[in-house]
Amino acid sequence: MAAEGFYHTFMTIENSQGIVVPQKGYVANSHFDKREPVIFPRGTYLWRAEARHYVDHPAYRPRVTTSACDKLKFTLRLAWSGYKPWGRVIQGTERSDTPGPITLGMLAKRVADAIRSFYQIHAEVATSEPDWAVTRIPFEKLILLELRHVSDGSWQPVLCYDA
C-alpha cells in the first residue's frame, strides 16, 4: 500500500538529474529486513537500459542482491502520481534457474522493460494528475536513479524526468 504522507520527491533525492517523478512510497504490511538502496550510475536512461546498452558496460558490472538466497523474483512497485499503484514481478537474478546476484546492467534492463509495460498499459488511462500523464512524459526522457527496498520481496524505482 502507498503511504499517505511519504513521497519520492526532489527533497528525498540527493544530486537529482532532473525532475524526480513524484510517487507515494510503498509501505510494507509487516516488518522486514530493509536492504540498502540500489544506486544506478548517473545518466541511466530507461530507453538505453531497455536496448541493453548497459549490460556489458563496466560501470554496470557490479552485482547486487535483490532478494533472499531462495528467491528468484521480486515485485517492482510503482506509484506514479495520478495513477493507481501498480506492480510487476520481475526476475531479480542473473539467470532464471539460479539464485544469486544480478549485474546493475541486467537489473536496469528488467526495470526498464517493466516501466515500458506500465507506459503501454496506462497510455489510455485517465489520470488525476494531468501534468504527470505518461503521454506527457516521454519514456526516452526517464532516468533510473535507484531502487528502494520497500518490503520483503518488493522494490520501488526512483525515476527522474530529464525535462
N, C-alpha and C. Protein backbone atom coordinates (compact mmCIF):
# COMPACT_ATOMS: atom_id res chain seq x y z
N MET A 1 0.84 -1.18 0.00
CA MET A 1 0.00 0.00 0.00
C MET A 1 0.88 1.24 0.00
N ALA A 2 0.38 2.29 -0.54
CA ALA A 2 1.16 3.53 -0.60
C ALA A 2 0.95 4.33 0.68
N ALA A 3 2.00 4.97 1.11
CA ALA A 3 1.94 5.80 2.32
C ALA A 3 1.21 7.09 2.01
N GLU A 4 0.45 7.58 2.97
CA GLU A 4 -0.28 8.82 2.77
C GLU A 4 0.64 10.02 2.64
N GLY A 5 1.66 10.13 3.51
CA GLY A 5 2.45 11.34 3.55
C GLY A 5 3.84 11.23 2.97
N PHE A 6 4.29 10.05 2.59
CA PHE A 6 5.66 9.89 2.13
C PHE A 6 5.70 9.82 0.61
N TYR A 7 6.48 10.69 0.02
CA TYR A 7 6.65 10.71 -1.42
C TYR A 7 8.13 10.66 -1.77
N HIS A 8 8.43 10.08 -2.93
CA HIS A 8 9.76 10.25 -3.51
C HIS A 8 9.68 11.59 -4.23
N THR A 9 10.42 12.57 -3.78
CA THR A 9 10.40 13.89 -4.42
C THR A 9 11.83 14.41 -4.50
N PHE A 10 11.99 15.59 -5.07
CA PHE A 10 13.32 16.19 -5.15
C PHE A 10 13.93 16.37 -3.77
N MET A 11 13.10 16.46 -2.74
CA MET A 11 13.62 16.67 -1.39
C MET A 11 14.16 15.38 -0.78
N THR A 12 13.80 14.22 -1.35
CA THR A 12 14.27 12.95 -0.80
C THR A 12 15.39 12.33 -1.63
N ILE A 13 15.86 13.05 -2.63
CA ILE A 13 16.90 12.55 -3.53
C ILE A 13 18.04 13.55 -3.59
N GLU A 14 19.25 13.08 -3.35
CA GLU A 14 20.41 13.94 -3.49
C GLU A 14 20.91 13.89 -4.92
N ASN A 15 21.44 14.99 -5.41
CA ASN A 15 22.05 15.07 -6.74
C ASN A 15 21.13 14.57 -7.85
N SER A 16 19.91 15.03 -7.83
CA SER A 16 18.94 14.63 -8.84
C SER A 16 19.44 15.05 -10.22
N GLN A 17 18.99 14.33 -11.24
CA GLN A 17 19.42 14.58 -12.61
C GLN A 17 18.28 15.17 -13.44
N GLY A 18 17.34 15.78 -12.79
CA GLY A 18 16.17 16.35 -13.45
C GLY A 18 15.05 16.48 -12.44
N ILE A 19 13.83 16.30 -12.90
CA ILE A 19 12.66 16.39 -12.03
C ILE A 19 12.32 14.98 -11.56
N VAL A 20 12.34 14.76 -10.26
CA VAL A 20 12.01 13.44 -9.73
C VAL A 20 10.52 13.20 -9.93
N VAL A 21 10.19 12.04 -10.51
CA VAL A 21 8.80 11.66 -10.70
C VAL A 21 8.19 11.40 -9.32
N PRO A 22 7.19 12.20 -8.91
CA PRO A 22 6.65 12.01 -7.57
C PRO A 22 5.87 10.70 -7.46
N GLN A 23 6.17 9.97 -6.41
CA GLN A 23 5.46 8.72 -6.12
C GLN A 23 5.20 8.63 -4.63
N LYS A 24 4.05 8.08 -4.28
CA LYS A 24 3.84 7.74 -2.89
C LYS A 24 4.75 6.55 -2.59
N GLY A 25 5.40 6.60 -1.45
CA GLY A 25 6.25 5.50 -1.05
C GLY A 25 5.42 4.31 -0.62
N TYR A 26 5.75 3.13 -1.13
CA TYR A 26 5.05 1.91 -0.73
C TYR A 26 5.40 1.60 0.72
N VAL A 27 4.40 1.19 1.50
CA VAL A 27 4.61 0.85 2.90
C VAL A 27 4.27 -0.62 3.10
N ALA A 28 5.22 -1.36 3.65
CA ALA A 28 5.03 -2.79 3.89
C ALA A 28 3.99 -3.03 4.96
N ASN A 29 3.28 -4.14 4.84
CA ASN A 29 2.28 -4.53 5.84
C ASN A 29 2.89 -5.17 7.06
N SER A 30 4.13 -5.60 6.96
CA SER A 30 4.79 -6.27 8.09
C SER A 30 6.26 -5.85 8.13
N HIS A 31 6.91 -6.20 9.24
CA HIS A 31 8.32 -5.87 9.41
C HIS A 31 9.17 -6.68 8.42
N PHE A 32 10.24 -6.08 7.95
CA PHE A 32 11.17 -6.78 7.07
C PHE A 32 12.56 -6.21 7.27
N ASP A 33 13.56 -6.97 6.90
CA ASP A 33 14.94 -6.50 7.00
C ASP A 33 15.25 -5.67 5.77
N LYS A 34 15.26 -4.37 5.96
CA LYS A 34 15.44 -3.44 4.86
C LYS A 34 16.88 -3.47 4.34
N ARG A 35 17.00 -3.55 3.02
CA ARG A 35 18.30 -3.52 2.36
C ARG A 35 18.62 -2.08 1.93
N GLU A 36 19.89 -1.85 1.72
CA GLU A 36 20.31 -0.54 1.21
C GLU A 36 19.76 -0.34 -0.20
N PRO A 37 19.48 0.91 -0.60
CA PRO A 37 19.01 1.15 -1.96
C PRO A 37 20.05 0.70 -2.99
N VAL A 38 19.58 0.32 -4.15
CA VAL A 38 20.45 0.02 -5.28
C VAL A 38 20.58 1.33 -6.05
N ILE A 39 21.79 1.87 -6.10
CA ILE A 39 22.04 3.15 -6.77
C ILE A 39 22.61 2.86 -8.17
N PHE A 40 22.03 3.47 -9.17
CA PHE A 40 22.50 3.28 -10.54
C PHE A 40 23.44 4.41 -10.94
N PRO A 41 24.38 4.12 -11.84
CA PRO A 41 25.29 5.17 -12.30
C PRO A 41 24.51 6.35 -12.90
N ARG A 42 25.10 7.50 -12.79
CA ARG A 42 24.48 8.74 -13.29
C ARG A 42 24.14 8.58 -14.77
N GLY A 43 22.94 9.03 -15.13
CA GLY A 43 22.53 9.01 -16.54
C GLY A 43 22.03 7.66 -17.02
N THR A 44 21.41 6.86 -16.16
CA THR A 44 20.88 5.56 -16.57
C THR A 44 19.49 5.77 -17.19
N TYR A 45 19.49 6.10 -18.47
CA TYR A 45 18.24 6.31 -19.19
C TYR A 45 17.54 4.98 -19.42
N LEU A 46 16.22 4.95 -19.20
CA LEU A 46 15.48 3.71 -19.36
C LEU A 46 15.52 3.18 -20.78
N TRP A 47 15.43 4.05 -21.78
CA TRP A 47 15.43 3.57 -23.16
C TRP A 47 16.75 2.89 -23.51
N ARG A 48 17.84 3.40 -22.96
CA ARG A 48 19.15 2.78 -23.21
C ARG A 48 19.26 1.45 -22.47
N ALA A 49 18.71 1.40 -21.25
CA ALA A 49 18.72 0.15 -20.48
C ALA A 49 17.88 -0.90 -21.20
N GLU A 50 16.73 -0.49 -21.69
CA GLU A 50 15.84 -1.40 -22.41
C GLU A 50 16.53 -1.97 -23.65
N ALA A 51 17.33 -1.16 -24.30
CA ALA A 51 18.06 -1.58 -25.51
C ALA A 51 19.37 -2.30 -25.19
N ARG A 52 19.60 -2.62 -23.92
CA ARG A 52 20.76 -3.39 -23.46
C ARG A 52 22.09 -2.62 -23.58
N HIS A 53 22.05 -1.30 -23.64
CA HIS A 53 23.27 -0.51 -23.75
C HIS A 53 24.18 -0.65 -22.54
N TYR A 54 23.61 -0.97 -21.39
CA TYR A 54 24.40 -1.01 -20.16
C TYR A 54 24.82 -2.41 -19.75
N VAL A 55 24.30 -3.43 -20.40
CA VAL A 55 24.54 -4.81 -19.96
C VAL A 55 26.03 -5.14 -19.88
N ASP A 56 26.82 -4.70 -20.85
CA ASP A 56 28.26 -5.01 -20.85
C ASP A 56 29.13 -3.81 -20.47
N HIS A 57 28.53 -2.72 -20.07
CA HIS A 57 29.28 -1.52 -19.70
C HIS A 57 29.97 -1.73 -18.36
N PRO A 58 31.25 -1.36 -18.23
CA PRO A 58 31.98 -1.59 -16.97
C PRO A 58 31.32 -0.99 -15.73
N ALA A 59 30.69 0.17 -15.85
CA ALA A 59 30.06 0.80 -14.69
C ALA A 59 28.84 0.02 -14.19
N TYR A 60 28.33 -0.88 -15.03
CA TYR A 60 27.12 -1.63 -14.68
C TYR A 60 27.43 -3.11 -14.40
N ARG A 61 28.69 -3.44 -14.25
CA ARG A 61 29.07 -4.83 -13.96
C ARG A 61 28.95 -5.23 -12.50
N PRO A 62 28.99 -4.28 -11.55
CA PRO A 62 28.82 -4.71 -10.16
C PRO A 62 27.52 -5.49 -9.98
N ARG A 63 27.58 -6.47 -9.11
CA ARG A 63 26.41 -7.31 -8.85
C ARG A 63 25.74 -6.90 -7.55
N VAL A 64 24.42 -6.95 -7.56
CA VAL A 64 23.62 -6.62 -6.38
C VAL A 64 22.66 -7.76 -6.10
N THR A 65 22.30 -7.88 -4.84
CA THR A 65 21.34 -8.90 -4.42
C THR A 65 20.02 -8.22 -4.13
N THR A 66 18.97 -8.67 -4.79
CA THR A 66 17.66 -8.05 -4.61
C THR A 66 16.72 -8.87 -3.74
N SER A 67 17.10 -10.10 -3.43
CA SER A 67 16.21 -10.97 -2.67
C SER A 67 17.00 -11.92 -1.80
N ALA A 68 16.28 -12.62 -0.94
CA ALA A 68 16.90 -13.68 -0.15
C ALA A 68 17.42 -14.75 -1.10
N CYS A 69 18.34 -15.54 -0.63
CA CYS A 69 19.00 -16.54 -1.47
C CYS A 69 18.03 -17.51 -2.15
N ASP A 70 16.90 -17.78 -1.52
CA ASP A 70 15.95 -18.74 -2.10
C ASP A 70 14.91 -18.10 -3.02
N LYS A 71 15.01 -16.81 -3.25
CA LYS A 71 14.04 -16.11 -4.10
C LYS A 71 14.67 -15.75 -5.44
N LEU A 72 13.93 -15.98 -6.52
CA LEU A 72 14.43 -15.67 -7.85
C LEU A 72 13.81 -14.38 -8.42
N LYS A 73 12.69 -13.96 -7.84
CA LYS A 73 11.97 -12.81 -8.39
C LYS A 73 11.59 -11.84 -7.28
N PHE A 74 11.24 -10.63 -7.69
CA PHE A 74 10.70 -9.64 -6.75
C PHE A 74 9.63 -8.82 -7.47
N THR A 75 8.86 -8.08 -6.69
CA THR A 75 7.83 -7.22 -7.26
C THR A 75 8.36 -5.79 -7.34
N LEU A 76 8.29 -5.24 -8.54
CA LEU A 76 8.64 -3.84 -8.74
C LEU A 76 7.35 -3.05 -8.52
N ARG A 77 7.36 -2.12 -7.60
CA ARG A 77 6.17 -1.35 -7.24
C ARG A 77 6.32 0.09 -7.74
N LEU A 78 5.30 0.55 -8.43
CA LEU A 78 5.31 1.90 -8.98
C LEU A 78 4.03 2.60 -8.53
N ALA A 79 4.17 3.78 -7.97
CA ALA A 79 3.02 4.58 -7.52
C ALA A 79 3.08 5.93 -8.22
N TRP A 80 3.08 5.88 -9.54
CA TRP A 80 3.19 7.07 -10.38
C TRP A 80 2.06 8.02 -10.05
N SER A 81 2.39 9.27 -9.83
CA SER A 81 1.41 10.28 -9.44
C SER A 81 0.25 10.35 -10.44
N GLY A 82 -0.97 10.23 -9.92
CA GLY A 82 -2.16 10.31 -10.75
C GLY A 82 -2.71 8.97 -11.19
N TYR A 83 -1.98 7.88 -10.92
CA TYR A 83 -2.42 6.54 -11.30
C TYR A 83 -2.52 5.65 -10.07
N LYS A 84 -3.27 4.57 -10.20
CA LYS A 84 -3.37 3.60 -9.10
C LYS A 84 -2.02 2.90 -8.96
N PRO A 85 -1.67 2.49 -7.73
CA PRO A 85 -0.42 1.74 -7.54
C PRO A 85 -0.38 0.52 -8.47
N TRP A 86 0.81 0.22 -8.96
CA TRP A 86 1.00 -0.82 -9.97
C TRP A 86 2.21 -1.65 -9.58
N GLY A 87 2.16 -2.92 -9.88
CA GLY A 87 3.30 -3.79 -9.60
C GLY A 87 3.52 -4.77 -10.73
N ARG A 88 4.76 -5.19 -10.85
CA ARG A 88 5.14 -6.19 -11.86
C ARG A 88 6.21 -7.08 -11.26
N VAL A 89 6.02 -8.38 -11.37
CA VAL A 89 7.03 -9.32 -10.89
C VAL A 89 8.12 -9.42 -11.94
N ILE A 90 9.37 -9.22 -11.50
CA ILE A 90 10.49 -9.34 -12.43
C ILE A 90 11.56 -10.24 -11.82
N GLN A 91 12.34 -10.81 -12.68
CA GLN A 91 13.43 -11.68 -12.24
C GLN A 91 14.53 -10.83 -11.63
N GLY A 92 14.93 -11.19 -10.42
CA GLY A 92 15.95 -10.43 -9.70
C GLY A 92 17.29 -11.12 -9.64
N THR A 93 17.45 -12.15 -10.47
CA THR A 93 18.73 -12.86 -10.52
C THR A 93 19.24 -12.85 -11.95
N GLU A 94 20.50 -13.15 -12.11
CA GLU A 94 21.10 -13.14 -13.44
C GLU A 94 20.45 -14.18 -14.36
N ARG A 95 20.24 -15.36 -13.80
CA ARG A 95 19.64 -16.45 -14.59
C ARG A 95 18.34 -16.88 -13.94
N SER A 96 17.42 -17.36 -14.75
CA SER A 96 16.10 -17.72 -14.23
C SER A 96 16.10 -18.97 -13.36
N ASP A 97 17.13 -19.80 -13.47
CA ASP A 97 17.14 -21.05 -12.71
C ASP A 97 18.11 -21.05 -11.53
N THR A 98 18.80 -19.94 -11.31
CA THR A 98 19.82 -19.90 -10.27
C THR A 98 19.70 -18.62 -9.44
N PRO A 99 19.54 -18.77 -8.12
CA PRO A 99 19.56 -17.56 -7.29
C PRO A 99 20.97 -16.99 -7.23
N GLY A 100 21.06 -15.72 -7.02
CA GLY A 100 22.37 -15.08 -6.91
C GLY A 100 22.30 -13.65 -7.38
N PRO A 101 23.37 -12.92 -7.21
CA PRO A 101 23.39 -11.51 -7.57
C PRO A 101 23.20 -11.27 -9.07
N ILE A 102 22.70 -10.10 -9.39
CA ILE A 102 22.47 -9.69 -10.77
C ILE A 102 23.31 -8.44 -11.03
N THR A 103 23.77 -8.28 -12.26
CA THR A 103 24.54 -7.07 -12.58
C THR A 103 23.59 -5.87 -12.63
N LEU A 104 24.15 -4.70 -12.37
CA LEU A 104 23.35 -3.47 -12.47
C LEU A 104 22.78 -3.29 -13.87
N GLY A 105 23.55 -3.67 -14.88
CA GLY A 105 23.09 -3.53 -16.26
C GLY A 105 21.87 -4.37 -16.56
N MET A 106 21.89 -5.63 -16.14
CA MET A 106 20.74 -6.51 -16.39
C MET A 106 19.54 -6.09 -15.54
N LEU A 107 19.80 -5.65 -14.32
CA LEU A 107 18.71 -5.18 -13.46
C LEU A 107 18.06 -3.93 -14.07
N ALA A 108 18.87 -3.01 -14.56
CA ALA A 108 18.34 -1.80 -15.20
C ALA A 108 17.48 -2.16 -16.41
N LYS A 109 17.92 -3.14 -17.18
CA LYS A 109 17.15 -3.57 -18.35
C LYS A 109 15.79 -4.12 -17.94
N ARG A 110 15.76 -4.95 -16.91
CA ARG A 110 14.49 -5.55 -16.48
C ARG A 110 13.55 -4.51 -15.87
N VAL A 111 14.10 -3.56 -15.14
CA VAL A 111 13.27 -2.47 -14.60
C VAL A 111 12.72 -1.63 -15.76
N ALA A 112 13.55 -1.33 -16.75
CA ALA A 112 13.11 -0.55 -17.91
C ALA A 112 11.99 -1.28 -18.66
N ASP A 113 12.13 -2.59 -18.84
CA ASP A 113 11.08 -3.37 -19.51
C ASP A 113 9.76 -3.26 -18.74
N ALA A 114 9.83 -3.35 -17.42
CA ALA A 114 8.62 -3.27 -16.60
C ALA A 114 7.98 -1.89 -16.71
N ILE A 115 8.79 -0.85 -16.67
CA ILE A 115 8.24 0.51 -16.74
C ILE A 115 7.68 0.79 -18.14
N ARG A 116 8.30 0.23 -19.17
CA ARG A 116 7.73 0.35 -20.52
C ARG A 116 6.34 -0.29 -20.55
N SER A 117 6.19 -1.43 -19.89
CA SER A 117 4.90 -2.09 -19.81
C SER A 117 3.87 -1.20 -19.10
N PHE A 118 4.29 -0.56 -18.01
CA PHE A 118 3.42 0.40 -17.31
C PHE A 118 2.96 1.48 -18.27
N TYR A 119 3.88 2.02 -19.05
CA TYR A 119 3.56 3.06 -20.02
C TYR A 119 2.53 2.57 -21.03
N GLN A 120 2.73 1.38 -21.55
CA GLN A 120 1.82 0.84 -22.56
C GLN A 120 0.42 0.62 -21.99
N ILE A 121 0.36 0.09 -20.78
CA ILE A 121 -0.93 -0.19 -20.13
C ILE A 121 -1.67 1.10 -19.80
N HIS A 122 -0.94 2.13 -19.39
CA HIS A 122 -1.57 3.35 -18.90
C HIS A 122 -1.68 4.47 -19.93
N ALA A 123 -1.29 4.22 -21.16
CA ALA A 123 -1.35 5.26 -22.19
C ALA A 123 -2.77 5.78 -22.43
N GLU A 124 -3.76 4.92 -22.25
CA GLU A 124 -5.16 5.31 -22.48
C GLU A 124 -5.94 5.47 -21.17
N VAL A 125 -5.26 5.41 -20.04
CA VAL A 125 -5.92 5.51 -18.74
C VAL A 125 -5.96 6.96 -18.28
N ALA A 126 -7.13 7.39 -17.83
CA ALA A 126 -7.26 8.75 -17.31
C ALA A 126 -6.46 8.89 -16.02
N THR A 127 -5.89 10.07 -15.82
CA THR A 127 -5.09 10.32 -14.64
C THR A 127 -5.66 11.50 -13.86
N SER A 128 -5.47 11.46 -12.56
CA SER A 128 -5.91 12.59 -11.73
C SER A 128 -4.85 13.69 -11.67
N GLU A 129 -3.70 13.45 -12.27
CA GLU A 129 -2.60 14.42 -12.31
C GLU A 129 -2.18 14.62 -13.77
N PRO A 130 -2.89 15.45 -14.53
CA PRO A 130 -2.60 15.60 -15.96
C PRO A 130 -1.14 15.96 -16.28
N ASP A 131 -0.50 16.71 -15.40
CA ASP A 131 0.90 17.08 -15.66
C ASP A 131 1.83 15.88 -15.63
N TRP A 132 1.40 14.78 -14.98
CA TRP A 132 2.22 13.58 -14.88
C TRP A 132 1.67 12.43 -15.72
N ALA A 133 0.78 12.73 -16.66
CA ALA A 133 0.26 11.69 -17.55
C ALA A 133 1.42 11.08 -18.32
N VAL A 134 1.40 9.76 -18.45
CA VAL A 134 2.51 9.10 -19.16
C VAL A 134 2.60 9.56 -20.61
N THR A 135 1.51 10.05 -21.15
CA THR A 135 1.54 10.57 -22.52
C THR A 135 2.27 11.92 -22.62
N ARG A 136 2.51 12.57 -21.47
CA ARG A 136 3.21 13.86 -21.46
C ARG A 136 4.68 13.72 -21.08
N ILE A 137 5.06 12.60 -20.51
CA ILE A 137 6.43 12.38 -20.05
C ILE A 137 7.05 11.32 -20.97
N PRO A 138 7.87 11.69 -21.92
CA PRO A 138 8.43 10.70 -22.84
C PRO A 138 9.29 9.66 -22.11
N PHE A 139 9.05 8.40 -22.43
CA PHE A 139 9.83 7.31 -21.85
C PHE A 139 11.32 7.55 -22.07
N GLU A 140 11.67 8.09 -23.22
CA GLU A 140 13.07 8.34 -23.58
C GLU A 140 13.74 9.38 -22.68
N LYS A 141 12.95 10.10 -21.91
CA LYS A 141 13.49 11.14 -21.02
C LYS A 141 13.54 10.69 -19.56
N LEU A 142 13.24 9.41 -19.29
CA LEU A 142 13.25 8.92 -17.91
C LEU A 142 14.61 8.34 -17.55
N ILE A 143 15.07 8.68 -16.36
CA ILE A 143 16.35 8.20 -15.83
C ILE A 143 16.05 7.39 -14.57
N LEU A 144 16.67 6.22 -14.47
CA LEU A 144 16.56 5.38 -13.28
C LEU A 144 17.65 5.79 -12.31
N LEU A 145 17.24 6.33 -11.17
CA LEU A 145 18.20 6.78 -10.16
C LEU A 145 18.56 5.67 -9.19
N GLU A 146 17.52 5.02 -8.67
CA GLU A 146 17.76 3.98 -7.67
C GLU A 146 16.54 3.10 -7.52
N LEU A 147 16.74 1.99 -6.83
CA LEU A 147 15.65 1.13 -6.37
C LEU A 147 15.68 1.16 -4.86
N ARG A 148 14.51 1.34 -4.26
CA ARG A 148 14.41 1.34 -2.80
C ARG A 148 13.68 0.08 -2.35
N HIS A 149 14.26 -0.59 -1.37
CA HIS A 149 13.66 -1.80 -0.81
C HIS A 149 12.50 -1.38 0.08
N VAL A 150 11.26 -1.70 -0.32
CA VAL A 150 10.09 -1.20 0.38
C VAL A 150 9.32 -2.27 1.16
N SER A 151 9.61 -3.53 0.89
CA SER A 151 9.03 -4.62 1.67
C SER A 151 9.78 -5.89 1.31
N ASP A 152 9.49 -6.96 2.05
CA ASP A 152 10.14 -8.23 1.75
C ASP A 152 9.70 -8.66 0.35
N GLY A 153 10.62 -8.68 -0.59
CA GLY A 153 10.30 -9.07 -1.95
C GLY A 153 9.78 -7.96 -2.84
N SER A 154 9.89 -6.70 -2.41
CA SER A 154 9.41 -5.59 -3.23
C SER A 154 10.42 -4.44 -3.24
N TRP A 155 10.58 -3.85 -4.42
CA TRP A 155 11.44 -2.69 -4.62
C TRP A 155 10.65 -1.64 -5.37
N GLN A 156 10.95 -0.37 -5.11
CA GLN A 156 10.29 0.73 -5.78
C GLN A 156 11.34 1.58 -6.48
N PRO A 157 11.16 1.81 -7.80
CA PRO A 157 12.14 2.63 -8.51
C PRO A 157 11.97 4.11 -8.19
N VAL A 158 13.07 4.82 -8.20
CA VAL A 158 13.05 6.28 -8.12
C VAL A 158 13.48 6.75 -9.50
N LEU A 159 12.60 7.50 -10.14
CA LEU A 159 12.80 7.92 -11.52
C LEU A 159 12.92 9.44 -11.60
N CYS A 160 13.61 9.87 -12.63
CA CYS A 160 13.82 11.28 -12.85
C CYS A 160 13.43 11.60 -14.30
N TYR A 161 12.79 12.73 -14.49
CA TYR A 161 12.40 13.20 -15.81
C TYR A 161 13.40 14.25 -16.26
N ASP A 162 14.13 13.95 -17.33
CA ASP A 162 15.11 14.87 -17.88
C ASP A 162 14.39 15.84 -18.81
N ALA A 163 13.78 16.85 -18.21
CA ALA A 163 12.99 17.82 -18.98
C ALA A 163 13.92 18.70 -19.76
